[in-house]
Amino acid sequence: MCQSYPALYKGQQVKYNDDYQNIDLKVWNGSDWVWLEKIPVKRHGHK
């Protein structure tokens, strides 16, 4: 209605698992914020 989205604070957008091999990522599905779980990490660090 007001064309704004909730702020994503530290720890509320990306969660790393214990060995940093997978992440959970919070995304907007068109009607709600949901977690995509266990996305594999292909690279670490910068380019």
PDB file of N, CA and C in Angstrom:
ATOM      1  N   MET A   1       0.813  -1.186   0.000  1.00  0.00           N
ATOM      2  CA  MET A   1       0.000   0.000   0.000  1.00  0.00           C
ATOM      3  C   MET A   1       0.865   1.261   0.000  1.00  0.00           C
ATOM      4  N   CYS A   2       1.913   1.290   0.824  1.00  0.00           N
ATOM      5  CA  CYS A   2       2.758   2.487   0.872  1.00  0.00           C
ATOM      6  C   CYS A   2       4.036   2.318   0.049  1.00  0.00           C
ATOM      7  N   GLN A   3       4.149   1.210  -0.712  1.00  0.00           N
ATOM      8  CA  GLN A   3       5.304   0.950  -1.577  1.00  0.00           C
ATOM      9  C   GLN A   3       6.632   0.911  -0.823  1.00  0.00           C
ATOM     10  N   SER A   4       6.637   0.409   0.411  1.00  0.00           N
ATOM     11  CA  SER A   4       7.883   0.259   1.156  1.00  0.00           C
ATOM     12  C   SER A   4       7.987  -1.185   1.646  1.00  0.00           C
ATOM     13  N   TYR A   5       9.188  -1.593   1.909  1.00  0.00           N
ATOM     14  CA  TYR A   5       9.457  -2.958   2.343  1.00  0.00           C
ATOM     15  C   TYR A   5      10.116  -2.936   3.710  1.00  0.00           C
ATOM     16  N   PRO A   6       9.981  -4.003   4.486  1.00  0.00           N
ATOM     17  CA  PRO A   6      10.603  -4.012   5.818  1.00  0.00           C
ATOM     18  C   PRO A   6      12.126  -4.005   5.722  1.00  0.00           C
ATOM     19  N   ALA A   7      12.753  -3.371   6.680  1.00  0.00           N
ATOM     20  CA  ALA A   7      14.213  -3.374   6.740  1.00  0.00           C
ATOM     21  C   ALA A   7      14.705  -4.775   7.074  1.00  0.00           C
ATOM     22  N   LEU A   8      15.847  -5.147   6.502  1.00  0.00           N
ATOM     23  CA  LEU A   8      16.455  -6.440   6.805  1.00  0.00           C
ATOM     24  C   LEU A   8      17.686  -6.177   7.657  1.00  0.00           C
ATOM     25  N   TYR A   9      17.600  -6.493   8.922  1.00  0.00           N
ATOM     26  CA  TYR A   9      18.677  -6.235   9.859  1.00  0.00           C
ATOM     27  C   TYR A   9      19.657  -7.398   9.875  1.00  0.00           C
ATOM     28  N   LYS A  10      20.854  -7.154  10.420  1.00  0.00           N
ATOM     29  CA  LYS A  10      21.893  -8.186  10.526  1.00  0.00           C
ATOM     30  C   LYS A  10      21.302  -9.473  11.096  1.00  0.00           C
ATOM     31  N   GLY A  11      21.571 -10.587  10.426  1.00  0.00           N
ATOM     32  CA  GLY A  11      21.075 -11.871  10.885  1.00  0.00           C
ATOM     33  C   GLY A  11      19.671 -12.192  10.409  1.00  0.00           C
ATOM     34  N   GLN A  12      19.040 -11.253   9.710  1.00  0.00           N
ATOM     35  CA  GLN A  12      17.673 -11.479   9.262  1.00  0.00           C
ATOM     36  C   GLN A  12      17.568 -11.580   7.750  1.00  0.00           C
ATOM     37  N   GLN A  13      18.680 -11.530   7.032  1.00  0.00           N
ATOM     38  CA  GLN A  13      18.641 -11.643   5.575  1.00  0.00           C
ATOM     39  C   GLN A  13      19.415 -12.868   5.104  1.00  0.00           C
ATOM     40  N   VAL A  14      20.589 -13.099   5.675  1.00  0.00           N
ATOM     41  CA  VAL A  14      21.418 -14.244   5.302  1.00  0.00           C
ATOM     42  C   VAL A  14      21.869 -14.943   6.571  1.00  0.00           C
ATOM     43  N   LYS A  15      21.726 -16.258   6.585  1.00  0.00           N
ATOM     44  CA  LYS A  15      22.230 -17.074   7.688  1.00  0.00           C
ATOM     45  C   LYS A  15      23.182 -18.107   7.114  1.00  0.00           C
ATOM     46  N   TYR A  16      24.401 -18.168   7.641  1.00  0.00           N
ATOM     47  CA  TYR A  16      25.380 -19.171   7.223  1.00  0.00           C
ATOM     48  C   TYR A  16      25.277 -20.380   8.135  1.00  0.00           C
ATOM     49  N   ASN A  17      25.454 -21.584   7.561  1.00  0.00           N
ATOM     50  CA  ASN A  17      25.465 -22.750   8.436  1.00  0.00           C
ATOM     51  C   ASN A  17      26.828 -22.848   9.113  1.00  0.00           C
ATOM     52  N   ASP A  18      27.011 -23.810   9.977  1.00  0.00           N
ATOM     53  CA  ASP A  18      28.219 -23.897  10.807  1.00  0.00           C
ATOM     54  C   ASP A  18      29.514 -24.031  10.013  1.00  0.00           C
ATOM     55  N   ASP A  19      29.499 -24.710   8.875  1.00  0.00           N
ATOM     56  CA  ASP A  19      30.738 -24.882   8.103  1.00  0.00           C
ATOM     57  C   ASP A  19      30.834 -23.926   6.913  1.00  0.00           C
ATOM     58  N   TYR A  20      29.922 -22.967   6.798  1.00  0.00           N
ATOM     59  CA  TYR A  20      29.919 -21.941   5.742  1.00  0.00           C
ATOM     60  C   TYR A  20      29.819 -22.534   4.334  1.00  0.00           C
ATOM     61  N   GLN A  21      29.279 -23.727   4.196  1.00  0.00           N
ATOM     62  CA  GLN A  21      29.120 -24.353   2.888  1.00  0.00           C
ATOM     63  C   GLN A  21      27.738 -24.087   2.291  1.00  0.00           C
ATOM     64  N   ASN A  22      26.776 -23.693   3.126  1.00  0.00           N
ATOM     65  CA  ASN A  22      25.415 -23.400   2.690  1.00  0.00           C
ATOM     66  C   ASN A  22      24.913 -22.160   3.406  1.00  0.00           C
ATOM     67  N   ILE A  23      23.949 -21.479   2.771  1.00  0.00           N
ATOM     68  CA  ILE A  23      23.311 -20.333   3.414  1.00  0.00           C
ATOM     69  C   ILE A  23      21.797 -20.489   3.331  1.00  0.00           C
ATOM     70  N   ASP A  24      21.114 -19.794   4.211  1.00  0.00           N
ATOM     71  CA  ASP A  24      19.674 -19.583   4.111  1.00  0.00           C
ATOM     72  C   ASP A  24      19.516 -18.110   3.756  1.00  0.00           C
ATOM     73  N   LEU A  25      18.679 -17.799   2.769  1.00  0.00           N
ATOM     74  CA  LEU A  25      18.528 -16.438   2.279  1.00  0.00           C
ATOM     75  C   LEU A  25      17.065 -16.021   2.350  1.00  0.00           C
ATOM     76  N   LYS A  26      16.794 -14.859   2.957  1.00  0.00           N
ATOM     77  CA  LYS A  26      15.425 -14.352   3.046  1.00  0.00           C
ATOM     78  C   LYS A  26      15.093 -13.584   1.782  1.00  0.00           C
ATOM     79  N   VAL A  27      13.983 -13.965   1.137  1.00  0.00           N
ATOM     80  CA  VAL A  27      13.559 -13.338  -0.121  1.00  0.00           C
ATOM     81  C   VAL A  27      12.070 -13.006  -0.058  1.00  0.00           C
ATOM     82  N   TRP A  28      11.662 -12.081  -0.892  1.00  0.00           N
ATOM     83  CA  TRP A  28      10.252 -11.695  -1.016  1.00  0.00           C
ATOM     84  C   TRP A  28       9.624 -12.576  -2.086  1.00  0.00           C
ATOM     85  N   ASN A  29       8.562 -13.306  -1.770  1.00  0.00           N
ATOM     86  CA  ASN A  29       7.940 -14.210  -2.743  1.00  0.00           C
ATOM     87  C   ASN A  29       6.735 -13.579  -3.448  1.00  0.00           C
ATOM     88  N   GLY A  30       6.536 -12.288  -3.244  1.00  0.00           N
ATOM     89  CA  GLY A  30       5.416 -11.588  -3.857  1.00  0.00           C
ATOM     90  C   GLY A  30       4.319 -11.253  -2.870  1.00  0.00           C
ATOM     91  N   SER A  31       4.304 -11.966  -1.732  1.00  0.00           N
ATOM     92  CA  SER A  31       3.294 -11.677  -0.715  1.00  0.00           C
ATOM     93  C   SER A  31       3.840 -11.747   0.705  1.00  0.00           C
ATOM     94  N   ASP A  32       5.051 -12.322   0.870  1.00  0.00           N
ATOM     95  CA  ASP A  32       5.607 -12.486   2.214  1.00  0.00           C
ATOM     96  C   ASP A  32       7.113 -12.707   2.115  1.00  0.00           C
ATOM     97  N   TRP A  33       7.821 -12.441   3.220  1.00  0.00           N
ATOM     98  CA  TRP A  33       9.246 -12.751   3.304  1.00  0.00           C
ATOM     99  C   TRP A  33       9.388 -14.206   3.727  1.00  0.00           C
ATOM    100  N   VAL A  34      10.123 -14.988   2.936  1.00  0.00           N
ATOM    101  CA  VAL A  34      10.322 -16.411   3.220  1.00  0.00           C
ATOM    102  C   VAL A  34      11.810 -16.741   3.131  1.00  0.00           C
ATOM    103  N   TRP A  35      12.203 -17.849   3.756  1.00  0.00           N
ATOM    104  CA  TRP A  35      13.588 -18.302   3.725  1.00  0.00           C
ATOM    105  C   TRP A  35      13.780 -19.352   2.642  1.00  0.00           C
ATOM    106  N   LEU A  36      14.777 -19.142   1.756  1.00  0.00           N
ATOM    107  CA  LEU A  36      15.255 -20.194   0.871  1.00  0.00           C
ATOM    108  C   LEU A  36      16.385 -20.867   1.637  1.00  0.00           C
ATOM    109  N   GLU A  37      16.303 -22.165   1.814  1.00  0.00           N
ATOM    110  CA  GLU A  37      17.228 -22.856   2.715  1.00  0.00           C
ATOM    111  C   GLU A  37      18.252 -23.699   1.980  1.00  0.00           C
ATOM    112  N   LYS A  38      19.430 -23.782   2.600  1.00  0.00           N
ATOM    113  CA  LYS A  38      20.529 -24.648   2.166  1.00  0.00           C
ATOM    114  C   LYS A  38      20.968 -24.387   0.728  1.00  0.00           C
ATOM    115  N   ILE A  39      21.222 -23.108   0.429  1.00  0.00           N
ATOM    116  CA  ILE A  39      21.759 -22.729  -0.880  1.00  0.00           C
ATOM    117  C   ILE A  39      23.272 -22.936  -0.819  1.00  0.00           C
ATOM    118  N   PRO A  40      23.854 -23.729  -1.723  1.00  0.00           N
ATOM    119  CA  PRO A  40      25.294 -23.978  -1.668  1.00  0.00           C
ATOM    120  C   PRO A  40      26.109 -22.717  -1.955  1.00  0.00           C
ATOM    121  N   VAL A  41      27.201 -22.553  -1.224  1.00  0.00           N
ATOM    122  CA  VAL A  41      28.142 -21.452  -1.439  1.00  0.00           C
ATOM    123  C   VAL A  41      29.195 -21.961  -2.423  1.00  0.00           C
ATOM    124  N   LYS A  42      29.328 -21.281  -3.571  1.00  0.00           N
ATOM    125  CA  LYS A  42      30.278 -21.720  -4.594  1.00  0.00           C
ATOM    126  C   LYS A  42      31.662 -21.114  -4.405  1.00  0.00           C
ATOM    127  N   ARG A  43      31.709 -19.864  -3.890  1.00  0.00           N
ATOM    128  CA  ARG A  43      32.981 -19.166  -3.695  1.00  0.00           C
ATOM    129  C   ARG A  43      32.937 -18.405  -2.392  1.00  0.00           C
ATOM    130  N   HIS A  44      34.103 -18.129  -1.866  1.00  0.00           N
ATOM    131  CA  HIS A  44      34.234 -17.321  -0.656  1.00  0.00           C
ATOM    132  C   HIS A  44      35.112 -16.110  -0.984  1.00  0.00           C
ATOM    133  N   GLY A  45      34.853 -14.987  -0.360  1.00  0.00           N
ATOM    134  CA  GLY A  45      35.708 -13.820  -0.521  1.00  0.00           C
ATOM    135  C   GLY A  45      35.376 -12.999  -1.757  1.00  0.00           C
ATOM    136  N   HIS A  46      36.314 -12.118  -2.105  1.00  0.00           N
ATOM    137  CA  HIS A  46      36.151 -11.200  -3.235  1.00  0.00           C
ATOM    138  C   HIS A  46      36.647 -11.833  -4.528  1.00  0.00           C
ATOM    139  N   LYS A  47      36.425 -11.121  -5.645  1.00  0.00           N
ATOM    140  CA  LYS A  47      36.846 -11.591  -6.979  1.00  0.00           C
ATOM    141  C   LYS A  47      38.260 -12.006  -7.051  1.00  0.00           C
TER     142      LYS A  47
END
